[in-house]
Amino acid sequence: MPLQNRLSPLSEALLLWTLAFLILLASSLLFGQGILTKLLATLSFLLLPKAAAATLSPRHSTSQRADFGLHFQNWKAELRLFSLLFLPVLLLFPPLYAAWLQFQHLLPFSSATPIEWQWHFQLPPRFGEWVVDQYLVVALSEEYFYRGYVQSRLHEFWPKQTLLLRPGLWLTALLFSLGHLATFEVLRLSVFFPALLFGFAKEKTQGLLCPVLLHGSCNLLLMVLQASFV
């Protein structure tokens, strides 16, 4: 029996996630966290969904028909939603980040020492290059794979659920956060929470423009905060 007739959407999504995770893990072990690892991760996230659609997905699957949300059909609605969703992040995350810096040494098993942090706004070096990198490399490839492909396939497996109770939304966020363990950064498991926001944006618009803008903007905001607290 052909493999595409045996795999459920859930099995297919988990198989592709495992393959992408192993590629990133092997690259991290062999090459560290440099440009080659980023290149392999980006290519994996962009190419694996199309390969799966061509070889694993049944002919009636939406993965055979869809572009995984990579379109601009509802770009005005996506820009409006991005503005609505990112504004609270912009207002709430900086004070939460400041509180984290101030009190992280109180957490159990924390190796941090008390430090008097001061705020002095500044952009990271080569910020313009980071803008291009975060939107067009990191956010685009990761959103295409996770929200475009994985979340869509999981919704095929669990089709009849309300928006915030969809198992596919929560499982995609979990896989997204676990995927960061391939780069040996345990603290980045916290990306589970913004991943829920990215997944919600994908469900509301059925496009990737809003999730990509949210993802890239959140990453850049964190970079600015890291450069500004000294």
C-alpha atoms as a PDB file:
ATOM      1  CA  MET A   1       0.000   0.000   0.000  1.00  0.00           C
ATOM      2  CA  PRO A   2       1.432   3.442  -0.928  1.00  0.00           C
ATOM      3  CA  LEU A   3       2.683   5.448   2.033  1.00  0.00           C
ATOM      4  CA  GLN A   4       0.351   8.347   1.225  1.00  0.00           C
ATOM      5  CA  ASN A   5      -2.648   6.052   1.780  1.00  0.00           C
ATOM      6  CA  ARG A   6      -1.455   4.944   5.215  1.00  0.00           C
ATOM      7  CA  LEU A   7      -0.545   8.250   6.855  1.00  0.00           C
ATOM      8  CA  SER A   8      -3.181  10.319   8.601  1.00  0.00           C
ATOM      9  CA  PRO A   9      -2.782  14.132   8.606  1.00  0.00           C
ATOM     10  CA  LEU A  10      -1.612  13.861  12.221  1.00  0.00           C
ATOM     11  CA  SER A  11       1.007  11.214  11.407  1.00  0.00           C
ATOM     12  CA  GLU A  12       2.193  13.162   8.394  1.00  0.00           C
ATOM     13  CA  ALA A  13       2.572  16.409  10.368  1.00  0.00           C
ATOM     14  CA  LEU A  14       4.453  14.666  13.175  1.00  0.00           C
ATOM     15  CA  LEU A  15       6.685  12.847  10.692  1.00  0.00           C
ATOM     16  CA  LEU A  16       7.625  16.093   8.938  1.00  0.00           C
ATOM     17  CA  TRP A  17       8.188  17.873  12.259  1.00  0.00           C
ATOM     18  CA  THR A  18      10.466  15.048  13.421  1.00  0.00           C
ATOM     19  CA  LEU A  19      12.443  15.189  10.186  1.00  0.00           C
ATOM     20  CA  ALA A  20      12.844  18.974  10.417  1.00  0.00           C
ATOM     21  CA  PHE A  21      13.836  18.680  14.093  1.00  0.00           C
ATOM     22  CA  LEU A  22      16.494  16.047  13.332  1.00  0.00           C
ATOM     23  CA  ILE A  23      17.930  18.141  10.490  1.00  0.00           C
ATOM     24  CA  LEU A  24      18.214  21.149  12.790  1.00  0.00           C
ATOM     25  CA  LEU A  25      19.611  19.075  15.650  1.00  0.00           C
ATOM     26  CA  ALA A  26      22.270  17.456  13.456  1.00  0.00           C
ATOM     27  CA  SER A  27      23.199  20.809  11.982  1.00  0.00           C
ATOM     28  CA  SER A  28      23.490  22.370  15.454  1.00  0.00           C
ATOM     29  CA  LEU A  29      25.757  19.558  16.609  1.00  0.00           C
ATOM     30  CA  LEU A  30      27.947  19.695  13.510  1.00  0.00           C
ATOM     31  CA  PHE A  31      28.079  23.407  12.749  1.00  0.00           C
ATOM     32  CA  GLY A  32      26.932  25.223  15.897  1.00  0.00           C
ATOM     33  CA  GLN A  33      24.516  28.137  15.713  1.00  0.00           C
ATOM     34  CA  GLY A  34      26.044  29.790  12.655  1.00  0.00           C
ATOM     35  CA  ILE A  35      24.854  30.720   9.207  1.00  0.00           C
ATOM     36  CA  LEU A  36      24.981  27.157   7.851  1.00  0.00           C
ATOM     37  CA  THR A  37      22.571  25.884  10.521  1.00  0.00           C
ATOM     38  CA  LYS A  38      20.190  28.752   9.779  1.00  0.00           C
ATOM     39  CA  LEU A  39      20.391  28.016   6.056  1.00  0.00           C
ATOM     40  CA  LEU A  40      19.596  24.321   6.514  1.00  0.00           C
ATOM     41  CA  ALA A  41      16.726  25.134   8.880  1.00  0.00           C
ATOM     42  CA  THR A  42      15.265  27.667   6.454  1.00  0.00           C
ATOM     43  CA  LEU A  43      15.484  25.304   3.488  1.00  0.00           C
ATOM     44  CA  SER A  44      13.936  22.484   5.523  1.00  0.00           C
ATOM     45  CA  PHE A  45      10.998  24.627   6.615  1.00  0.00           C
ATOM     46  CA  LEU A  46      10.369  25.865   3.073  1.00  0.00           C
ATOM     47  CA  LEU A  47      10.879  22.645   1.116  1.00  0.00           C
ATOM     48  CA  LEU A  48       9.539  19.869   3.355  1.00  0.00           C
ATOM     49  CA  PRO A  49       5.845  20.929   3.153  1.00  0.00           C
ATOM     50  CA  LYS A  50       5.868  20.892  -0.645  1.00  0.00           C
ATOM     51  CA  ALA A  51       7.667  17.561  -0.681  1.00  0.00           C
ATOM     52  CA  ALA A  52       5.086  16.109   1.719  1.00  0.00           C
ATOM     53  CA  ALA A  53       2.196  17.497  -0.336  1.00  0.00           C
ATOM     54  CA  ALA A  54       3.598  15.841  -3.455  1.00  0.00           C
ATOM     55  CA  THR A  55       4.438  12.450  -1.933  1.00  0.00           C
ATOM     56  CA  LEU A  56       2.552  11.864   1.325  1.00  0.00           C
ATOM     57  CA  SER A  57      -0.726  13.785   1.267  1.00  0.00           C
ATOM     58  CA  PRO A  58      -3.777  12.039  -0.234  1.00  0.00           C
ATOM     59  CA  ARG A  59      -5.030  13.573  -3.459  1.00  0.00           C
ATOM     60  CA  HIS A  60      -8.146  14.997  -1.785  1.00  0.00           C
ATOM     61  CA  SER A  61      -6.173  16.653   1.009  1.00  0.00           C
ATOM     62  CA  THR A  62      -6.145  20.434   1.315  1.00  0.00           C
ATOM     63  CA  SER A  63      -2.349  20.138   1.368  1.00  0.00           C
ATOM     64  CA  GLN A  64      -2.596  19.134  -2.283  1.00  0.00           C
ATOM     65  CA  ARG A  65      -4.642  22.227  -3.171  1.00  0.00           C
ATOM     66  CA  ALA A  66      -3.480  24.978  -0.864  1.00  0.00           C
ATOM     67  CA  ASP A  67      -0.520  27.312  -0.885  1.00  0.00           C
ATOM     68  CA  PHE A  68      -0.291  26.930   2.917  1.00  0.00           C
ATOM     69  CA  GLY A  69      -1.494  30.500   3.391  1.00  0.00           C
ATOM     70  CA  LEU A  70       1.382  32.136   1.524  1.00  0.00           C
ATOM     71  CA  HIS A  71      -0.707  34.668  -0.399  1.00  0.00           C
ATOM     72  CA  PHE A  72      -1.875  38.275  -0.191  1.00  0.00           C
ATOM     73  CA  GLN A  73      -5.580  37.762  -0.858  1.00  0.00           C
ATOM     74  CA  ASN A  74      -6.657  39.361   2.438  1.00  0.00           C
ATOM     75  CA  TRP A  75      -3.658  41.616   2.997  1.00  0.00           C
ATOM     76  CA  LYS A  76      -5.693  44.575   4.251  1.00  0.00           C
ATOM     77  CA  ALA A  77      -7.456  42.469   6.871  1.00  0.00           C
ATOM     78  CA  GLU A  78      -4.155  40.878   7.845  1.00  0.00           C
ATOM     79  CA  LEU A  79      -2.507  44.273   8.329  1.00  0.00           C
ATOM     80  CA  ARG A  80      -5.415  45.443  10.487  1.00  0.00           C
ATOM     81  CA  LEU A  81      -5.251  42.311  12.605  1.00  0.00           C
ATOM     82  CA  PHE A  82      -1.489  42.678  12.961  1.00  0.00           C
ATOM     83  CA  SER A  83      -1.954  46.209  14.284  1.00  0.00           C
ATOM     84  CA  LEU A  84      -4.572  45.061  16.782  1.00  0.00           C
ATOM     85  CA  LEU A  85      -2.552  42.092  18.043  1.00  0.00           C
ATOM     86  CA  PHE A  86       0.885  43.674  18.169  1.00  0.00           C
ATOM     87  CA  LEU A  87      -0.135  46.829  20.039  1.00  0.00           C
ATOM     88  CA  PRO A  88      -0.768  44.990  23.343  1.00  0.00           C
ATOM     89  CA  VAL A  89       2.546  43.137  22.904  1.00  0.00           C
ATOM     90  CA  LEU A  90       4.336  46.438  22.352  1.00  0.00           C
ATOM     91  CA  LEU A  91       2.785  47.926  25.491  1.00  0.00           C
ATOM     92  CA  LEU A  92       2.973  44.946  27.854  1.00  0.00           C
ATOM     93  CA  PHE A  93       6.128  43.058  26.945  1.00  0.00           C
ATOM     94  CA  PRO A  94       8.756  45.740  27.793  1.00  0.00           C
ATOM     95  CA  PRO A  95       7.674  46.077  31.458  1.00  0.00           C
ATOM     96  CA  LEU A  96       7.402  42.289  31.743  1.00  0.00           C
ATOM     97  CA  TYR A  97      10.901  41.930  30.325  1.00  0.00           C
ATOM     98  CA  ALA A  98      12.194  44.530  32.792  1.00  0.00           C
ATOM     99  CA  ALA A  99      10.558  42.619  35.661  1.00  0.00           C
ATOM    100  CA  TRP A 100      12.160  39.407  34.423  1.00  0.00           C
ATOM    101  CA  LEU A 101      15.606  40.987  34.490  1.00  0.00           C
ATOM    102  CA  GLN A 102      15.018  42.360  37.959  1.00  0.00           C
ATOM    103  CA  PHE A 103      13.704  39.205  39.605  1.00  0.00           C
ATOM    104  CA  GLN A 104      15.111  36.278  37.612  1.00  0.00           C
ATOM    105  CA  HIS A 105      17.753  35.670  40.297  1.00  0.00           C
ATOM    106  CA  LEU A 106      14.963  34.747  42.725  1.00  0.00           C
ATOM    107  CA  LEU A 107      13.793  31.819  40.631  1.00  0.00           C
ATOM    108  CA  PRO A 108      14.659  28.280  41.820  1.00  0.00           C
ATOM    109  CA  PHE A 109      17.862  26.908  40.293  1.00  0.00           C
ATOM    110  CA  SER A 110      18.665  30.304  38.731  1.00  0.00           C
ATOM    111  CA  SER A 111      22.365  31.068  38.335  1.00  0.00           C
ATOM    112  CA  ALA A 112      21.712  34.782  37.755  1.00  0.00           C
ATOM    113  CA  THR A 113      23.046  37.333  40.216  1.00  0.00           C
ATOM    114  CA  PRO A 114      21.240  40.543  41.286  1.00  0.00           C
ATOM    115  CA  ILE A 115      22.124  43.365  38.875  1.00  0.00           C
ATOM    116  CA  GLU A 116      20.912  46.959  38.725  1.00  0.00           C
ATOM    117  CA  TRP A 117      19.561  47.252  35.209  1.00  0.00           C
ATOM    118  CA  GLN A 118      19.149  50.615  33.485  1.00  0.00           C
ATOM    119  CA  TRP A 119      17.118  51.450  30.408  1.00  0.00           C
ATOM    120  CA  HIS A 120      18.833  53.284  27.582  1.00  0.00           C
ATOM    121  CA  PHE A 121      17.117  52.925  24.216  1.00  0.00           C
ATOM    122  CA  GLN A 122      19.379  51.793  21.428  1.00  0.00           C
ATOM    123  CA  LEU A 123      19.109  49.623  18.363  1.00  0.00           C
ATOM    124  CA  PRO A 124      21.257  46.505  18.016  1.00  0.00           C
ATOM    125  CA  PRO A 125      24.244  46.763  15.660  1.00  0.00           C
ATOM    126  CA  ARG A 126      23.346  46.157  11.992  1.00  0.00           C
ATOM    127  CA  PHE A 127      19.670  46.501  12.833  1.00  0.00           C
ATOM    128  CA  GLY A 128      18.657  46.932   9.200  1.00  0.00           C
ATOM    129  CA  GLU A 129      20.164  43.555   8.343  1.00  0.00           C
ATOM    130  CA  TRP A 130      18.350  41.983  11.285  1.00  0.00           C
ATOM    131  CA  VAL A 131      15.029  43.381  10.027  1.00  0.00           C
ATOM    132  CA  VAL A 132      15.470  41.606   6.697  1.00  0.00           C
ATOM    133  CA  ASP A 133      16.687  38.451   8.435  1.00  0.00           C
ATOM    134  CA  GLN A 134      13.881  38.236  10.981  1.00  0.00           C
ATOM    135  CA  TYR A 135      11.015  38.888   8.564  1.00  0.00           C
ATOM    136  CA  LEU A 136      12.161  37.247   5.339  1.00  0.00           C
ATOM    137  CA  VAL A 137      14.280  34.368   6.666  1.00  0.00           C
ATOM    138  CA  VAL A 138      13.297  33.394  10.200  1.00  0.00           C
ATOM    139  CA  ALA A 139       9.626  34.381  10.427  1.00  0.00           C
ATOM    140  CA  LEU A 140       8.661  33.535   6.847  1.00  0.00           C
ATOM    141  CA  SER A 141      10.174  30.048   6.837  1.00  0.00           C
ATOM    142  CA  GLU A 142       9.017  29.098  10.337  1.00  0.00           C
ATOM    143  CA  GLU A 143       5.469  30.373   9.805  1.00  0.00           C
ATOM    144  CA  TYR A 144       5.254  28.635   6.445  1.00  0.00           C
ATOM    145  CA  PHE A 145       6.192  25.340   8.061  1.00  0.00           C
ATOM    146  CA  TYR A 146       4.385  25.553  11.406  1.00  0.00           C
ATOM    147  CA  ARG A 147       1.285  27.644  10.825  1.00  0.00           C
ATOM    148  CA  GLY A 148       1.009  27.077   7.087  1.00  0.00           C
ATOM    149  CA  TYR A 149       1.714  23.356   6.877  1.00  0.00           C
ATOM    150  CA  VAL A 150       1.638  21.715  10.334  1.00  0.00           C
ATOM    151  CA  GLN A 151      -1.343  23.609  11.697  1.00  0.00           C
ATOM    152  CA  SER A 152      -3.313  23.090   8.479  1.00  0.00           C
ATOM    153  CA  ARG A 153      -2.686  19.338   8.510  1.00  0.00           C
ATOM    154  CA  LEU A 154      -3.638  19.060  12.173  1.00  0.00           C
ATOM    155  CA  HIS A 155      -6.887  20.888  11.485  1.00  0.00           C
ATOM    156  CA  GLU A 156      -7.633  18.283   8.834  1.00  0.00           C
ATOM    157  CA  PHE A 157      -7.264  15.653  11.548  1.00  0.00           C
ATOM    158  CA  TRP A 158      -9.415  17.634  14.047  1.00  0.00           C
ATOM    159  CA  PRO A 159     -11.712  19.612  11.745  1.00  0.00           C
ATOM    160  CA  LYS A 160     -14.745  20.445  13.872  1.00  0.00           C
ATOM    161  CA  GLN A 161     -13.565  22.504  16.809  1.00  0.00           C
ATOM    162  CA  THR A 162     -14.101  26.087  17.918  1.00  0.00           C
ATOM    163  CA  LEU A 163     -11.229  28.472  17.254  1.00  0.00           C
ATOM    164  CA  LEU A 164      -9.501  28.637  20.647  1.00  0.00           C
ATOM    165  CA  LEU A 165     -10.251  24.993  21.491  1.00  0.00           C
ATOM    166  CA  ARG A 166      -8.765  23.526  18.336  1.00  0.00           C
ATOM    167  CA  PRO A 167      -6.226  20.828  19.289  1.00  0.00           C
ATOM    168  CA  GLY A 168      -4.238  21.657  16.162  1.00  0.00           C
ATOM    169  CA  LEU A 169      -3.663  25.223  17.340  1.00  0.00           C
ATOM    170  CA  TRP A 170      -2.284  24.097  20.702  1.00  0.00           C
ATOM    171  CA  LEU A 171      -0.291  21.145  19.372  1.00  0.00           C
ATOM    172  CA  THR A 172       1.336  23.325  16.703  1.00  0.00           C
ATOM    173  CA  ALA A 173       2.394  25.817  19.383  1.00  0.00           C
ATOM    174  CA  LEU A 174       3.819  22.951  21.443  1.00  0.00           C
ATOM    175  CA  LEU A 175       5.760  21.538  18.485  1.00  0.00           C
ATOM    176  CA  PHE A 176       7.026  25.020  17.671  1.00  0.00           C
ATOM    177  CA  SER A 177       8.394  25.481  21.193  1.00  0.00           C
ATOM    178  CA  LEU A 178       9.869  21.964  21.357  1.00  0.00           C
ATOM    179  CA  GLY A 179      11.560  22.559  18.031  1.00  0.00           C
ATOM    180  CA  HIS A 180      13.732  25.205  19.678  1.00  0.00           C
ATOM    181  CA  LEU A 181      15.325  22.496  21.830  1.00  0.00           C
ATOM    182  CA  ALA A 182      17.270  21.466  18.732  1.00  0.00           C
ATOM    183  CA  THR A 183      19.372  24.604  19.288  1.00  0.00           C
ATOM    184  CA  PHE A 184      19.872  23.745  22.980  1.00  0.00           C
ATOM    185  CA  GLU A 185      18.090  26.852  24.289  1.00  0.00           C
ATOM    186  CA  VAL A 186      15.733  25.604  27.004  1.00  0.00           C
ATOM    187  CA  LEU A 187      14.479  29.068  27.914  1.00  0.00           C
ATOM    188  CA  ARG A 188      13.073  29.422  24.422  1.00  0.00           C
ATOM    189  CA  LEU A 189      10.343  26.948  25.315  1.00  0.00           C
ATOM    190  CA  SER A 190       8.549  30.142  26.341  1.00  0.00           C
ATOM    191  CA  VAL A 191       7.865  30.769  22.637  1.00  0.00           C
ATOM    192  CA  PHE A 192       4.841  28.508  23.171  1.00  0.00           C
ATOM    193  CA  PHE A 193       2.824  31.566  24.194  1.00  0.00           C
ATOM    194  CA  PRO A 194       3.560  33.840  21.219  1.00  0.00           C
ATOM    195  CA  ALA A 195       3.093  30.772  19.007  1.00  0.00           C
ATOM    196  CA  LEU A 196      -0.535  30.655  20.147  1.00  0.00           C
ATOM    197  CA  LEU A 197      -0.888  34.249  18.979  1.00  0.00           C
ATOM    198  CA  PHE A 198       0.651  33.431  15.599  1.00  0.00           C
ATOM    199  CA  GLY A 199      -1.661  30.428  15.230  1.00  0.00           C
ATOM    200  CA  PHE A 200      -4.705  32.510  16.158  1.00  0.00           C
ATOM    201  CA  ALA A 201      -3.762  35.066  13.504  1.00  0.00           C
ATOM    202  CA  LYS A 202      -3.469  32.315  10.888  1.00  0.00           C
ATOM    203  CA  GLU A 203      -6.909  30.982  11.779  1.00  0.00           C
ATOM    204  CA  LYS A 204      -8.561  34.390  11.631  1.00  0.00           C
ATOM    205  CA  THR A 205      -7.199  35.353   8.223  1.00  0.00           C
ATOM    206  CA  GLN A 206      -6.203  32.031   6.613  1.00  0.00           C
ATOM    207  CA  GLY A 207      -3.042  33.784   5.474  1.00  0.00           C
ATOM    208  CA  LEU A 208       0.542  34.024   6.655  1.00  0.00           C
ATOM    209  CA  LEU A 209       1.158  37.761   6.278  1.00  0.00           C
ATOM    210  CA  CYS A 210      -0.128  38.597   9.765  1.00  0.00           C
ATOM    211  CA  PRO A 211       1.684  35.691  11.523  1.00  0.00           C
ATOM    212  CA  VAL A 212       4.937  36.550   9.719  1.00  0.00           C
ATOM    213  CA  LEU A 213       4.674  40.214  10.707  1.00  0.00           C
ATOM    214  CA  LEU A 214       3.862  39.276  14.309  1.00  0.00           C
ATOM    215  CA  HIS A 215       6.685  36.758  14.512  1.00  0.00           C
ATOM    216  CA  GLY A 216       9.300  39.063  13.044  1.00  0.00           C
ATOM    217  CA  SER A 217       8.142  42.067  15.073  1.00  0.00           C
ATOM    218  CA  CYS A 218       8.213  40.132  18.347  1.00  0.00           C
ATOM    219  CA  ASN A 219      11.744  38.934  17.609  1.00  0.00           C
ATOM    220  CA  LEU A 220      12.914  42.452  16.762  1.00  0.00           C
ATOM    221  CA  LEU A 221      11.252  43.898  19.857  1.00  0.00           C
ATOM    222  CA  LEU A 222      13.136  41.401  22.020  1.00  0.00           C
ATOM    223  CA  MET A 223      16.398  42.301  20.286  1.00  0.00           C
ATOM    224  CA  VAL A 224      15.832  46.017  20.941  1.00  0.00           C
ATOM    225  CA  LEU A 225      15.079  45.332  24.615  1.00  0.00           C
ATOM    226  CA  GLN A 226      18.190  43.188  24.973  1.00  0.00           C
ATOM    227  CA  ALA A 227      20.287  45.985  23.502  1.00  0.00           C
ATOM    228  CA  SER A 228      18.611  48.723  25.551  1.00  0.00           C
ATOM    229  CA  PHE A 229      18.838  47.253  29.055  1.00  0.00           C
ATOM    230  CA  VAL A 230      22.400  47.738  30.283  1.00  0.00           C
END
